[in-house]
Amino acid sequence: EVDTDELKKSEKLVFSNDIADIADC
């Protein structure tokens, strides 16, 4: 659904499977 170029353009997106990383959202 999303190609590599689109992923690169999303510069403020980070990926995680650690709950601690969403705690301050």
PDBML (XML) file of the C-alpha atoms, coordinates in Angstrom:
<?xml version="1.0" encoding="UTF-8" ?>
<PDBx:datablock datablockName="MODEL"
   xmlns:PDBx="http://pdbml.pdb.org/schema/pdbx-v50.xsd"
   xmlns:xsi="http://www.w3.org/2001/XMLSchema-instance"
   xsi:schemaLocation="http://pdbml.pdb.org/schema/pdbx-v50.xsd pdbx-v50.xsd">
   <PDBx:atom_siteCategory>
      <PDBx:atom_site id="1">
         <PDBx:B_iso_or_equiv>0.00</PDBx:B_iso_or_equiv>
         <PDBx:Cartn_x>0.000</PDBx:Cartn_x>
         <PDBx:Cartn_y>0.000</PDBx:Cartn_y>
         <PDBx:Cartn_z>0.000</PDBx:Cartn_z>
         <PDBx:auth_asym_id>A</PDBx:auth_asym_id>
         <PDBx:auth_atom_id>CA</PDBx:auth_atom_id>
         <PDBx:auth_comp_id>GLU</PDBx:auth_comp_id>
         <PDBx:auth_seq_id>1</PDBx:auth_seq_id>
         <PDBx:group_PDB>ATOM</PDBx:group_PDB>
         <PDBx:label_alt_id xsi:nil="true" />
         <PDBx:label_asym_id>A</PDBx:label_asym_id>
         <PDBx:label_atom_id>CA</PDBx:label_atom_id>
         <PDBx:label_comp_id>GLU</PDBx:label_comp_id>
         <PDBx:label_entity_id>1</PDBx:label_entity_id>
         <PDBx:label_seq_id>1</PDBx:label_seq_id>
         <PDBx:occupancy>1.00</PDBx:occupancy>
         <PDBx:pdbx_PDB_model_num>1</PDBx:pdbx_PDB_model_num>
         <PDBx:type_symbol>C</PDBx:type_symbol>
      </PDBx:atom_site>
      <PDBx:atom_site id="2">
         <PDBx:B_iso_or_equiv>0.00</PDBx:B_iso_or_equiv>
         <PDBx:Cartn_x>2.936</PDBx:Cartn_x>
         <PDBx:Cartn_y>2.313</PDBx:Cartn_y>
         <PDBx:Cartn_z>0.666</PDBx:Cartn_z>
         <PDBx:auth_asym_id>A</PDBx:auth_asym_id>
         <PDBx:auth_atom_id>CA</PDBx:auth_atom_id>
         <PDBx:auth_comp_id>VAL</PDBx:auth_comp_id>
         <PDBx:auth_seq_id>2</PDBx:auth_seq_id>
         <PDBx:group_PDB>ATOM</PDBx:group_PDB>
         <PDBx:label_alt_id xsi:nil="true" />
         <PDBx:label_asym_id>A</PDBx:label_asym_id>
         <PDBx:label_atom_id>CA</PDBx:label_atom_id>
         <PDBx:label_comp_id>VAL</PDBx:label_comp_id>
         <PDBx:label_entity_id>1</PDBx:label_entity_id>
         <PDBx:label_seq_id>2</PDBx:label_seq_id>
         <PDBx:occupancy>1.00</PDBx:occupancy>
         <PDBx:pdbx_PDB_model_num>1</PDBx:pdbx_PDB_model_num>
         <PDBx:type_symbol>C</PDBx:type_symbol>
      </PDBx:atom_site>
      <PDBx:atom_site id="3">
         <PDBx:B_iso_or_equiv>0.00</PDBx:B_iso_or_equiv>
         <PDBx:Cartn_x>6.126</PDBx:Cartn_x>
         <PDBx:Cartn_y>2.281</PDBx:Cartn_y>
         <PDBx:Cartn_z>-1.376</PDBx:Cartn_z>
         <PDBx:auth_asym_id>A</PDBx:auth_asym_id>
         <PDBx:auth_atom_id>CA</PDBx:auth_atom_id>
         <PDBx:auth_comp_id>ASP</PDBx:auth_comp_id>
         <PDBx:auth_seq_id>3</PDBx:auth_seq_id>
         <PDBx:group_PDB>ATOM</PDBx:group_PDB>
         <PDBx:label_alt_id xsi:nil="true" />
         <PDBx:label_asym_id>A</PDBx:label_asym_id>
         <PDBx:label_atom_id>CA</PDBx:label_atom_id>
         <PDBx:label_comp_id>ASP</PDBx:label_comp_id>
         <PDBx:label_entity_id>1</PDBx:label_entity_id>
         <PDBx:label_seq_id>3</PDBx:label_seq_id>
         <PDBx:occupancy>1.00</PDBx:occupancy>
         <PDBx:pdbx_PDB_model_num>1</PDBx:pdbx_PDB_model_num>
         <PDBx:type_symbol>C</PDBx:type_symbol>
      </PDBx:atom_site>
      <PDBx:atom_site id="4">
         <PDBx:B_iso_or_equiv>0.00</PDBx:B_iso_or_equiv>
         <PDBx:Cartn_x>9.645</PDBx:Cartn_x>
         <PDBx:Cartn_y>3.034</PDBx:Cartn_y>
         <PDBx:Cartn_z>-0.160</PDBx:Cartn_z>
         <PDBx:auth_asym_id>A</PDBx:auth_asym_id>
         <PDBx:auth_atom_id>CA</PDBx:auth_atom_id>
         <PDBx:auth_comp_id>THR</PDBx:auth_comp_id>
         <PDBx:auth_seq_id>4</PDBx:auth_seq_id>
         <PDBx:group_PDB>ATOM</PDBx:group_PDB>
         <PDBx:label_alt_id xsi:nil="true" />
         <PDBx:label_asym_id>A</PDBx:label_asym_id>
         <PDBx:label_atom_id>CA</PDBx:label_atom_id>
         <PDBx:label_comp_id>THR</PDBx:label_comp_id>
         <PDBx:label_entity_id>1</PDBx:label_entity_id>
         <PDBx:label_seq_id>4</PDBx:label_seq_id>
         <PDBx:occupancy>1.00</PDBx:occupancy>
         <PDBx:pdbx_PDB_model_num>1</PDBx:pdbx_PDB_model_num>
         <PDBx:type_symbol>C</PDBx:type_symbol>
      </PDBx:atom_site>
      <PDBx:atom_site id="5">
         <PDBx:B_iso_or_equiv>0.00</PDBx:B_iso_or_equiv>
         <PDBx:Cartn_x>9.615</PDBx:Cartn_x>
         <PDBx:Cartn_y>6.625</PDBx:Cartn_y>
         <PDBx:Cartn_z>-1.448</PDBx:Cartn_z>
         <PDBx:auth_asym_id>A</PDBx:auth_asym_id>
         <PDBx:auth_atom_id>CA</PDBx:auth_atom_id>
         <PDBx:auth_comp_id>ASP</PDBx:auth_comp_id>
         <PDBx:auth_seq_id>5</PDBx:auth_seq_id>
         <PDBx:group_PDB>ATOM</PDBx:group_PDB>
         <PDBx:label_alt_id xsi:nil="true" />
         <PDBx:label_asym_id>A</PDBx:label_asym_id>
         <PDBx:label_atom_id>CA</PDBx:label_atom_id>
         <PDBx:label_comp_id>ASP</PDBx:label_comp_id>
         <PDBx:label_entity_id>1</PDBx:label_entity_id>
         <PDBx:label_seq_id>5</PDBx:label_seq_id>
         <PDBx:occupancy>1.00</PDBx:occupancy>
         <PDBx:pdbx_PDB_model_num>1</PDBx:pdbx_PDB_model_num>
         <PDBx:type_symbol>C</PDBx:type_symbol>
      </PDBx:atom_site>
      <PDBx:atom_site id="6">
         <PDBx:B_iso_or_equiv>0.00</PDBx:B_iso_or_equiv>
         <PDBx:Cartn_x>6.388</PDBx:Cartn_x>
         <PDBx:Cartn_y>7.393</PDBx:Cartn_y>
         <PDBx:Cartn_z>0.432</PDBx:Cartn_z>
         <PDBx:auth_asym_id>A</PDBx:auth_asym_id>
         <PDBx:auth_atom_id>CA</PDBx:auth_atom_id>
         <PDBx:auth_comp_id>GLU</PDBx:auth_comp_id>
         <PDBx:auth_seq_id>6</PDBx:auth_seq_id>
         <PDBx:group_PDB>ATOM</PDBx:group_PDB>
         <PDBx:label_alt_id xsi:nil="true" />
         <PDBx:label_asym_id>A</PDBx:label_asym_id>
         <PDBx:label_atom_id>CA</PDBx:label_atom_id>
         <PDBx:label_comp_id>GLU</PDBx:label_comp_id>
         <PDBx:label_entity_id>1</PDBx:label_entity_id>
         <PDBx:label_seq_id>6</PDBx:label_seq_id>
         <PDBx:occupancy>1.00</PDBx:occupancy>
         <PDBx:pdbx_PDB_model_num>1</PDBx:pdbx_PDB_model_num>
         <PDBx:type_symbol>C</PDBx:type_symbol>
      </PDBx:atom_site>
      <PDBx:atom_site id="7">
         <PDBx:B_iso_or_equiv>0.00</PDBx:B_iso_or_equiv>
         <PDBx:Cartn_x>7.868</PDBx:Cartn_x>
         <PDBx:Cartn_y>5.981</PDBx:Cartn_y>
         <PDBx:Cartn_z>3.626</PDBx:Cartn_z>
         <PDBx:auth_asym_id>A</PDBx:auth_asym_id>
         <PDBx:auth_atom_id>CA</PDBx:auth_atom_id>
         <PDBx:auth_comp_id>LEU</PDBx:auth_comp_id>
         <PDBx:auth_seq_id>7</PDBx:auth_seq_id>
         <PDBx:group_PDB>ATOM</PDBx:group_PDB>
         <PDBx:label_alt_id xsi:nil="true" />
         <PDBx:label_asym_id>A</PDBx:label_asym_id>
         <PDBx:label_atom_id>CA</PDBx:label_atom_id>
         <PDBx:label_comp_id>LEU</PDBx:label_comp_id>
         <PDBx:label_entity_id>1</PDBx:label_entity_id>
         <PDBx:label_seq_id>7</PDBx:label_seq_id>
         <PDBx:occupancy>1.00</PDBx:occupancy>
         <PDBx:pdbx_PDB_model_num>1</PDBx:pdbx_PDB_model_num>
         <PDBx:type_symbol>C</PDBx:type_symbol>
      </PDBx:atom_site>
      <PDBx:atom_site id="8">
         <PDBx:B_iso_or_equiv>0.00</PDBx:B_iso_or_equiv>
         <PDBx:Cartn_x>10.910</PDBx:Cartn_x>
         <PDBx:Cartn_y>8.217</PDBx:Cartn_y>
         <PDBx:Cartn_z>3.219</PDBx:Cartn_z>
         <PDBx:auth_asym_id>A</PDBx:auth_asym_id>
         <PDBx:auth_atom_id>CA</PDBx:auth_atom_id>
         <PDBx:auth_comp_id>LYS</PDBx:auth_comp_id>
         <PDBx:auth_seq_id>8</PDBx:auth_seq_id>
         <PDBx:group_PDB>ATOM</PDBx:group_PDB>
         <PDBx:label_alt_id xsi:nil="true" />
         <PDBx:label_asym_id>A</PDBx:label_asym_id>
         <PDBx:label_atom_id>CA</PDBx:label_atom_id>
         <PDBx:label_comp_id>LYS</PDBx:label_comp_id>
         <PDBx:label_entity_id>1</PDBx:label_entity_id>
         <PDBx:label_seq_id>8</PDBx:label_seq_id>
         <PDBx:occupancy>1.00</PDBx:occupancy>
         <PDBx:pdbx_PDB_model_num>1</PDBx:pdbx_PDB_model_num>
         <PDBx:type_symbol>C</PDBx:type_symbol>
      </PDBx:atom_site>
      <PDBx:atom_site id="9">
         <PDBx:B_iso_or_equiv>0.00</PDBx:B_iso_or_equiv>
         <PDBx:Cartn_x>8.722</PDBx:Cartn_x>
         <PDBx:Cartn_y>11.309</PDBx:Cartn_y>
         <PDBx:Cartn_z>2.745</PDBx:Cartn_z>
         <PDBx:auth_asym_id>A</PDBx:auth_asym_id>
         <PDBx:auth_atom_id>CA</PDBx:auth_atom_id>
         <PDBx:auth_comp_id>LYS</PDBx:auth_comp_id>
         <PDBx:auth_seq_id>9</PDBx:auth_seq_id>
         <PDBx:group_PDB>ATOM</PDBx:group_PDB>
         <PDBx:label_alt_id xsi:nil="true" />
         <PDBx:label_asym_id>A</PDBx:label_asym_id>
         <PDBx:label_atom_id>CA</PDBx:label_atom_id>
         <PDBx:label_comp_id>LYS</PDBx:label_comp_id>
         <PDBx:label_entity_id>1</PDBx:label_entity_id>
         <PDBx:label_seq_id>9</PDBx:label_seq_id>
         <PDBx:occupancy>1.00</PDBx:occupancy>
         <PDBx:pdbx_PDB_model_num>1</PDBx:pdbx_PDB_model_num>
         <PDBx:type_symbol>C</PDBx:type_symbol>
      </PDBx:atom_site>
      <PDBx:atom_site id="10">
         <PDBx:B_iso_or_equiv>0.00</PDBx:B_iso_or_equiv>
         <PDBx:Cartn_x>7.054</PDBx:Cartn_x>
         <PDBx:Cartn_y>10.678</PDBx:Cartn_y>
         <PDBx:Cartn_z>6.102</PDBx:Cartn_z>
         <PDBx:auth_asym_id>A</PDBx:auth_asym_id>
         <PDBx:auth_atom_id>CA</PDBx:auth_atom_id>
         <PDBx:auth_comp_id>SER</PDBx:auth_comp_id>
         <PDBx:auth_seq_id>10</PDBx:auth_seq_id>
         <PDBx:group_PDB>ATOM</PDBx:group_PDB>
         <PDBx:label_alt_id xsi:nil="true" />
         <PDBx:label_asym_id>A</PDBx:label_asym_id>
         <PDBx:label_atom_id>CA</PDBx:label_atom_id>
         <PDBx:label_comp_id>SER</PDBx:label_comp_id>
         <PDBx:label_entity_id>1</PDBx:label_entity_id>
         <PDBx:label_seq_id>10</PDBx:label_seq_id>
         <PDBx:occupancy>1.00</PDBx:occupancy>
         <PDBx:pdbx_PDB_model_num>1</PDBx:pdbx_PDB_model_num>
         <PDBx:type_symbol>C</PDBx:type_symbol>
      </PDBx:atom_site>
      <PDBx:atom_site id="11">
         <PDBx:B_iso_or_equiv>0.00</PDBx:B_iso_or_equiv>
         <PDBx:Cartn_x>9.976</PDBx:Cartn_x>
         <PDBx:Cartn_y>12.193</PDBx:Cartn_y>
         <PDBx:Cartn_z>7.987</PDBx:Cartn_z>
         <PDBx:auth_asym_id>A</PDBx:auth_asym_id>
         <PDBx:auth_atom_id>CA</PDBx:auth_atom_id>
         <PDBx:auth_comp_id>GLU</PDBx:auth_comp_id>
         <PDBx:auth_seq_id>11</PDBx:auth_seq_id>
         <PDBx:group_PDB>ATOM</PDBx:group_PDB>
         <PDBx:label_alt_id xsi:nil="true" />
         <PDBx:label_asym_id>A</PDBx:label_asym_id>
         <PDBx:label_atom_id>CA</PDBx:label_atom_id>
         <PDBx:label_comp_id>GLU</PDBx:label_comp_id>
         <PDBx:label_entity_id>1</PDBx:label_entity_id>
         <PDBx:label_seq_id>11</PDBx:label_seq_id>
         <PDBx:occupancy>1.00</PDBx:occupancy>
         <PDBx:pdbx_PDB_model_num>1</PDBx:pdbx_PDB_model_num>
         <PDBx:type_symbol>C</PDBx:type_symbol>
      </PDBx:atom_site>
      <PDBx:atom_site id="12">
         <PDBx:B_iso_or_equiv>0.00</PDBx:B_iso_or_equiv>
         <PDBx:Cartn_x>8.174</PDBx:Cartn_x>
         <PDBx:Cartn_y>12.649</PDBx:Cartn_y>
         <PDBx:Cartn_z>11.334</PDBx:Cartn_z>
         <PDBx:auth_asym_id>A</PDBx:auth_asym_id>
         <PDBx:auth_atom_id>CA</PDBx:auth_atom_id>
         <PDBx:auth_comp_id>LYS</PDBx:auth_comp_id>
         <PDBx:auth_seq_id>12</PDBx:auth_seq_id>
         <PDBx:group_PDB>ATOM</PDBx:group_PDB>
         <PDBx:label_alt_id xsi:nil="true" />
         <PDBx:label_asym_id>A</PDBx:label_asym_id>
         <PDBx:label_atom_id>CA</PDBx:label_atom_id>
         <PDBx:label_comp_id>LYS</PDBx:label_comp_id>
         <PDBx:label_entity_id>1</PDBx:label_entity_id>
         <PDBx:label_seq_id>12</PDBx:label_seq_id>
         <PDBx:occupancy>1.00</PDBx:occupancy>
         <PDBx:pdbx_PDB_model_num>1</PDBx:pdbx_PDB_model_num>
         <PDBx:type_symbol>C</PDBx:type_symbol>
      </PDBx:atom_site>
      <PDBx:atom_site id="13">
         <PDBx:B_iso_or_equiv>0.00</PDBx:B_iso_or_equiv>
         <PDBx:Cartn_x>7.002</PDBx:Cartn_x>
         <PDBx:Cartn_y>9.025</PDBx:Cartn_y>
         <PDBx:Cartn_z>11.562</PDBx:Cartn_z>
         <PDBx:auth_asym_id>A</PDBx:auth_asym_id>
         <PDBx:auth_atom_id>CA</PDBx:auth_atom_id>
         <PDBx:auth_comp_id>LEU</PDBx:auth_comp_id>
         <PDBx:auth_seq_id>13</PDBx:auth_seq_id>
         <PDBx:group_PDB>ATOM</PDBx:group_PDB>
         <PDBx:label_alt_id xsi:nil="true" />
         <PDBx:label_asym_id>A</PDBx:label_asym_id>
         <PDBx:label_atom_id>CA</PDBx:label_atom_id>
         <PDBx:label_comp_id>LEU</PDBx:label_comp_id>
         <PDBx:label_entity_id>1</PDBx:label_entity_id>
         <PDBx:label_seq_id>13</PDBx:label_seq_id>
         <PDBx:occupancy>1.00</PDBx:occupancy>
         <PDBx:pdbx_PDB_model_num>1</PDBx:pdbx_PDB_model_num>
         <PDBx:type_symbol>C</PDBx:type_symbol>
      </PDBx:atom_site>
      <PDBx:atom_site id="14">
         <PDBx:B_iso_or_equiv>0.00</PDBx:B_iso_or_equiv>
         <PDBx:Cartn_x>8.771</PDBx:Cartn_x>
         <PDBx:Cartn_y>6.468</PDBx:Cartn_y>
         <PDBx:Cartn_z>13.742</PDBx:Cartn_z>
         <PDBx:auth_asym_id>A</PDBx:auth_asym_id>
         <PDBx:auth_atom_id>CA</PDBx:auth_atom_id>
         <PDBx:auth_comp_id>VAL</PDBx:auth_comp_id>
         <PDBx:auth_seq_id>14</PDBx:auth_seq_id>
         <PDBx:group_PDB>ATOM</PDBx:group_PDB>
         <PDBx:label_alt_id xsi:nil="true" />
         <PDBx:label_asym_id>A</PDBx:label_asym_id>
         <PDBx:label_atom_id>CA</PDBx:label_atom_id>
         <PDBx:label_comp_id>VAL</PDBx:label_comp_id>
         <PDBx:label_entity_id>1</PDBx:label_entity_id>
         <PDBx:label_seq_id>14</PDBx:label_seq_id>
         <PDBx:occupancy>1.00</PDBx:occupancy>
         <PDBx:pdbx_PDB_model_num>1</PDBx:pdbx_PDB_model_num>
         <PDBx:type_symbol>C</PDBx:type_symbol>
      </PDBx:atom_site>
      <PDBx:atom_site id="15">
         <PDBx:B_iso_or_equiv>0.00</PDBx:B_iso_or_equiv>
         <PDBx:Cartn_x>7.888</PDBx:Cartn_x>
         <PDBx:Cartn_y>2.793</PDBx:Cartn_y>
         <PDBx:Cartn_z>14.159</PDBx:Cartn_z>
         <PDBx:auth_asym_id>A</PDBx:auth_asym_id>
         <PDBx:auth_atom_id>CA</PDBx:auth_atom_id>
         <PDBx:auth_comp_id>PHE</PDBx:auth_comp_id>
         <PDBx:auth_seq_id>15</PDBx:auth_seq_id>
         <PDBx:group_PDB>ATOM</PDBx:group_PDB>
         <PDBx:label_alt_id xsi:nil="true" />
         <PDBx:label_asym_id>A</PDBx:label_asym_id>
         <PDBx:label_atom_id>CA</PDBx:label_atom_id>
         <PDBx:label_comp_id>PHE</PDBx:label_comp_id>
         <PDBx:label_entity_id>1</PDBx:label_entity_id>
         <PDBx:label_seq_id>15</PDBx:label_seq_id>
         <PDBx:occupancy>1.00</PDBx:occupancy>
         <PDBx:pdbx_PDB_model_num>1</PDBx:pdbx_PDB_model_num>
         <PDBx:type_symbol>C</PDBx:type_symbol>
      </PDBx:atom_site>
      <PDBx:atom_site id="16">
         <PDBx:B_iso_or_equiv>0.00</PDBx:B_iso_or_equiv>
         <PDBx:Cartn_x>7.821</PDBx:Cartn_x>
         <PDBx:Cartn_y>0.802</PDBx:Cartn_y>
         <PDBx:Cartn_z>17.384</PDBx:Cartn_z>
         <PDBx:auth_asym_id>A</PDBx:auth_asym_id>
         <PDBx:auth_atom_id>CA</PDBx:auth_atom_id>
         <PDBx:auth_comp_id>SER</PDBx:auth_comp_id>
         <PDBx:auth_seq_id>16</PDBx:auth_seq_id>
         <PDBx:group_PDB>ATOM</PDBx:group_PDB>
         <PDBx:label_alt_id xsi:nil="true" />
         <PDBx:label_asym_id>A</PDBx:label_asym_id>
         <PDBx:label_atom_id>CA</PDBx:label_atom_id>
         <PDBx:label_comp_id>SER</PDBx:label_comp_id>
         <PDBx:label_entity_id>1</PDBx:label_entity_id>
         <PDBx:label_seq_id>16</PDBx:label_seq_id>
         <PDBx:occupancy>1.00</PDBx:occupancy>
         <PDBx:pdbx_PDB_model_num>1</PDBx:pdbx_PDB_model_num>
         <PDBx:type_symbol>C</PDBx:type_symbol>
      </PDBx:atom_site>
      <PDBx:atom_site id="17">
         <PDBx:B_iso_or_equiv>0.00</PDBx:B_iso_or_equiv>
         <PDBx:Cartn_x>6.422</PDBx:Cartn_x>
         <PDBx:Cartn_y>-2.288</PDBx:Cartn_y>
         <PDBx:Cartn_z>19.101</PDBx:Cartn_z>
         <PDBx:auth_asym_id>A</PDBx:auth_asym_id>
         <PDBx:auth_atom_id>CA</PDBx:auth_atom_id>
         <PDBx:auth_comp_id>ASN</PDBx:auth_comp_id>
         <PDBx:auth_seq_id>17</PDBx:auth_seq_id>
         <PDBx:group_PDB>ATOM</PDBx:group_PDB>
         <PDBx:label_alt_id xsi:nil="true" />
         <PDBx:label_asym_id>A</PDBx:label_asym_id>
         <PDBx:label_atom_id>CA</PDBx:label_atom_id>
         <PDBx:label_comp_id>ASN</PDBx:label_comp_id>
         <PDBx:label_entity_id>1</PDBx:label_entity_id>
         <PDBx:label_seq_id>17</PDBx:label_seq_id>
         <PDBx:occupancy>1.00</PDBx:occupancy>
         <PDBx:pdbx_PDB_model_num>1</PDBx:pdbx_PDB_model_num>
         <PDBx:type_symbol>C</PDBx:type_symbol>
      </PDBx:atom_site>
      <PDBx:atom_site id="18">
         <PDBx:B_iso_or_equiv>0.00</PDBx:B_iso_or_equiv>
         <PDBx:Cartn_x>7.401</PDBx:Cartn_x>
         <PDBx:Cartn_y>-0.976</PDBx:Cartn_y>
         <PDBx:Cartn_z>22.544</PDBx:Cartn_z>
         <PDBx:auth_asym_id>A</PDBx:auth_asym_id>
         <PDBx:auth_atom_id>CA</PDBx:auth_atom_id>
         <PDBx:auth_comp_id>ASP</PDBx:auth_comp_id>
         <PDBx:auth_seq_id>18</PDBx:auth_seq_id>
         <PDBx:group_PDB>ATOM</PDBx:group_PDB>
         <PDBx:label_alt_id xsi:nil="true" />
         <PDBx:label_asym_id>A</PDBx:label_asym_id>
         <PDBx:label_atom_id>CA</PDBx:label_atom_id>
         <PDBx:label_comp_id>ASP</PDBx:label_comp_id>
         <PDBx:label_entity_id>1</PDBx:label_entity_id>
         <PDBx:label_seq_id>18</PDBx:label_seq_id>
         <PDBx:occupancy>1.00</PDBx:occupancy>
         <PDBx:pdbx_PDB_model_num>1</PDBx:pdbx_PDB_model_num>
         <PDBx:type_symbol>C</PDBx:type_symbol>
      </PDBx:atom_site>
      <PDBx:atom_site id="19">
         <PDBx:B_iso_or_equiv>0.00</PDBx:B_iso_or_equiv>
         <PDBx:Cartn_x>4.491</PDBx:Cartn_x>
         <PDBx:Cartn_y>0.389</PDBx:Cartn_y>
         <PDBx:Cartn_z>24.615</PDBx:Cartn_z>
         <PDBx:auth_asym_id>A</PDBx:auth_asym_id>
         <PDBx:auth_atom_id>CA</PDBx:auth_atom_id>
         <PDBx:auth_comp_id>ILE</PDBx:auth_comp_id>
         <PDBx:auth_seq_id>19</PDBx:auth_seq_id>
         <PDBx:group_PDB>ATOM</PDBx:group_PDB>
         <PDBx:label_alt_id xsi:nil="true" />
         <PDBx:label_asym_id>A</PDBx:label_asym_id>
         <PDBx:label_atom_id>CA</PDBx:label_atom_id>
         <PDBx:label_comp_id>ILE</PDBx:label_comp_id>
         <PDBx:label_entity_id>1</PDBx:label_entity_id>
         <PDBx:label_seq_id>19</PDBx:label_seq_id>
         <PDBx:occupancy>1.00</PDBx:occupancy>
         <PDBx:pdbx_PDB_model_num>1</PDBx:pdbx_PDB_model_num>
         <PDBx:type_symbol>C</PDBx:type_symbol>
      </PDBx:atom_site>
      <PDBx:atom_site id="20">
         <PDBx:B_iso_or_equiv>0.00</PDBx:B_iso_or_equiv>
         <PDBx:Cartn_x>6.852</PDBx:Cartn_x>
         <PDBx:Cartn_y>2.825</PDBx:Cartn_y>
         <PDBx:Cartn_z>26.322</PDBx:Cartn_z>
         <PDBx:auth_asym_id>A</PDBx:auth_asym_id>
         <PDBx:auth_atom_id>CA</PDBx:auth_atom_id>
         <PDBx:auth_comp_id>ALA</PDBx:auth_comp_id>
         <PDBx:auth_seq_id>20</PDBx:auth_seq_id>
         <PDBx:group_PDB>ATOM</PDBx:group_PDB>
         <PDBx:label_alt_id xsi:nil="true" />
         <PDBx:label_asym_id>A</PDBx:label_asym_id>
         <PDBx:label_atom_id>CA</PDBx:label_atom_id>
         <PDBx:label_comp_id>ALA</PDBx:label_comp_id>
         <PDBx:label_entity_id>1</PDBx:label_entity_id>
         <PDBx:label_seq_id>20</PDBx:label_seq_id>
         <PDBx:occupancy>1.00</PDBx:occupancy>
         <PDBx:pdbx_PDB_model_num>1</PDBx:pdbx_PDB_model_num>
         <PDBx:type_symbol>C</PDBx:type_symbol>
      </PDBx:atom_site>
      <PDBx:atom_site id="21">
         <PDBx:B_iso_or_equiv>0.00</PDBx:B_iso_or_equiv>
         <PDBx:Cartn_x>7.228</PDBx:Cartn_x>
         <PDBx:Cartn_y>4.686</PDBx:Cartn_y>
         <PDBx:Cartn_z>23.009</PDBx:Cartn_z>
         <PDBx:auth_asym_id>A</PDBx:auth_asym_id>
         <PDBx:auth_atom_id>CA</PDBx:auth_atom_id>
         <PDBx:auth_comp_id>ASP</PDBx:auth_comp_id>
         <PDBx:auth_seq_id>21</PDBx:auth_seq_id>
         <PDBx:group_PDB>ATOM</PDBx:group_PDB>
         <PDBx:label_alt_id xsi:nil="true" />
         <PDBx:label_asym_id>A</PDBx:label_asym_id>
         <PDBx:label_atom_id>CA</PDBx:label_atom_id>
         <PDBx:label_comp_id>ASP</PDBx:label_comp_id>
         <PDBx:label_entity_id>1</PDBx:label_entity_id>
         <PDBx:label_seq_id>21</PDBx:label_seq_id>
         <PDBx:occupancy>1.00</PDBx:occupancy>
         <PDBx:pdbx_PDB_model_num>1</PDBx:pdbx_PDB_model_num>
         <PDBx:type_symbol>C</PDBx:type_symbol>
      </PDBx:atom_site>
      <PDBx:atom_site id="22">
         <PDBx:B_iso_or_equiv>0.00</PDBx:B_iso_or_equiv>
         <PDBx:Cartn_x>3.545</PDBx:Cartn_x>
         <PDBx:Cartn_y>5.656</PDBx:Cartn_y>
         <PDBx:Cartn_z>22.942</PDBx:Cartn_z>
         <PDBx:auth_asym_id>A</PDBx:auth_asym_id>
         <PDBx:auth_atom_id>CA</PDBx:auth_atom_id>
         <PDBx:auth_comp_id>ILE</PDBx:auth_comp_id>
         <PDBx:auth_seq_id>22</PDBx:auth_seq_id>
         <PDBx:group_PDB>ATOM</PDBx:group_PDB>
         <PDBx:label_alt_id xsi:nil="true" />
         <PDBx:label_asym_id>A</PDBx:label_asym_id>
         <PDBx:label_atom_id>CA</PDBx:label_atom_id>
         <PDBx:label_comp_id>ILE</PDBx:label_comp_id>
         <PDBx:label_entity_id>1</PDBx:label_entity_id>
         <PDBx:label_seq_id>22</PDBx:label_seq_id>
         <PDBx:occupancy>1.00</PDBx:occupancy>
         <PDBx:pdbx_PDB_model_num>1</PDBx:pdbx_PDB_model_num>
         <PDBx:type_symbol>C</PDBx:type_symbol>
      </PDBx:atom_site>
      <PDBx:atom_site id="23">
         <PDBx:B_iso_or_equiv>0.00</PDBx:B_iso_or_equiv>
         <PDBx:Cartn_x>3.289</PDBx:Cartn_x>
         <PDBx:Cartn_y>6.589</PDBx:Cartn_y>
         <PDBx:Cartn_z>26.624</PDBx:Cartn_z>
         <PDBx:auth_asym_id>A</PDBx:auth_asym_id>
         <PDBx:auth_atom_id>CA</PDBx:auth_atom_id>
         <PDBx:auth_comp_id>ALA</PDBx:auth_comp_id>
         <PDBx:auth_seq_id>23</PDBx:auth_seq_id>
         <PDBx:group_PDB>ATOM</PDBx:group_PDB>
         <PDBx:label_alt_id xsi:nil="true" />
         <PDBx:label_asym_id>A</PDBx:label_asym_id>
         <PDBx:label_atom_id>CA</PDBx:label_atom_id>
         <PDBx:label_comp_id>ALA</PDBx:label_comp_id>
         <PDBx:label_entity_id>1</PDBx:label_entity_id>
         <PDBx:label_seq_id>23</PDBx:label_seq_id>
         <PDBx:occupancy>1.00</PDBx:occupancy>
         <PDBx:pdbx_PDB_model_num>1</PDBx:pdbx_PDB_model_num>
         <PDBx:type_symbol>C</PDBx:type_symbol>
      </PDBx:atom_site>
      <PDBx:atom_site id="24">
         <PDBx:B_iso_or_equiv>0.00</PDBx:B_iso_or_equiv>
         <PDBx:Cartn_x>3.776</PDBx:Cartn_x>
         <PDBx:Cartn_y>10.317</PDBx:Cartn_y>
         <PDBx:Cartn_z>26.045</PDBx:Cartn_z>
         <PDBx:auth_asym_id>A</PDBx:auth_asym_id>
         <PDBx:auth_atom_id>CA</PDBx:auth_atom_id>
         <PDBx:auth_comp_id>ASP</PDBx:auth_comp_id>
         <PDBx:auth_seq_id>24</PDBx:auth_seq_id>
         <PDBx:group_PDB>ATOM</PDBx:group_PDB>
         <PDBx:label_alt_id xsi:nil="true" />
         <PDBx:label_asym_id>A</PDBx:label_asym_id>
         <PDBx:label_atom_id>CA</PDBx:label_atom_id>
         <PDBx:label_comp_id>ASP</PDBx:label_comp_id>
         <PDBx:label_entity_id>1</PDBx:label_entity_id>
         <PDBx:label_seq_id>24</PDBx:label_seq_id>
         <PDBx:occupancy>1.00</PDBx:occupancy>
         <PDBx:pdbx_PDB_model_num>1</PDBx:pdbx_PDB_model_num>
         <PDBx:type_symbol>C</PDBx:type_symbol>
      </PDBx:atom_site>
      <PDBx:atom_site id="25">
         <PDBx:B_iso_or_equiv>0.00</PDBx:B_iso_or_equiv>
         <PDBx:Cartn_x>1.270</PDBx:Cartn_x>
         <PDBx:Cartn_y>10.498</PDBx:Cartn_y>
         <PDBx:Cartn_z>23.164</PDBx:Cartn_z>
         <PDBx:auth_asym_id>A</PDBx:auth_asym_id>
         <PDBx:auth_atom_id>CA</PDBx:auth_atom_id>
         <PDBx:auth_comp_id>CYS</PDBx:auth_comp_id>
         <PDBx:auth_seq_id>25</PDBx:auth_seq_id>
         <PDBx:group_PDB>ATOM</PDBx:group_PDB>
         <PDBx:label_alt_id xsi:nil="true" />
         <PDBx:label_asym_id>A</PDBx:label_asym_id>
         <PDBx:label_atom_id>CA</PDBx:label_atom_id>
         <PDBx:label_comp_id>CYS</PDBx:label_comp_id>
         <PDBx:label_entity_id>1</PDBx:label_entity_id>
         <PDBx:label_seq_id>25</PDBx:label_seq_id>
         <PDBx:occupancy>1.00</PDBx:occupancy>
         <PDBx:pdbx_PDB_model_num>1</PDBx:pdbx_PDB_model_num>
         <PDBx:type_symbol>C</PDBx:type_symbol>
      </PDBx:atom_site>
   </PDBx:atom_siteCategory>
</PDBx:datablock>
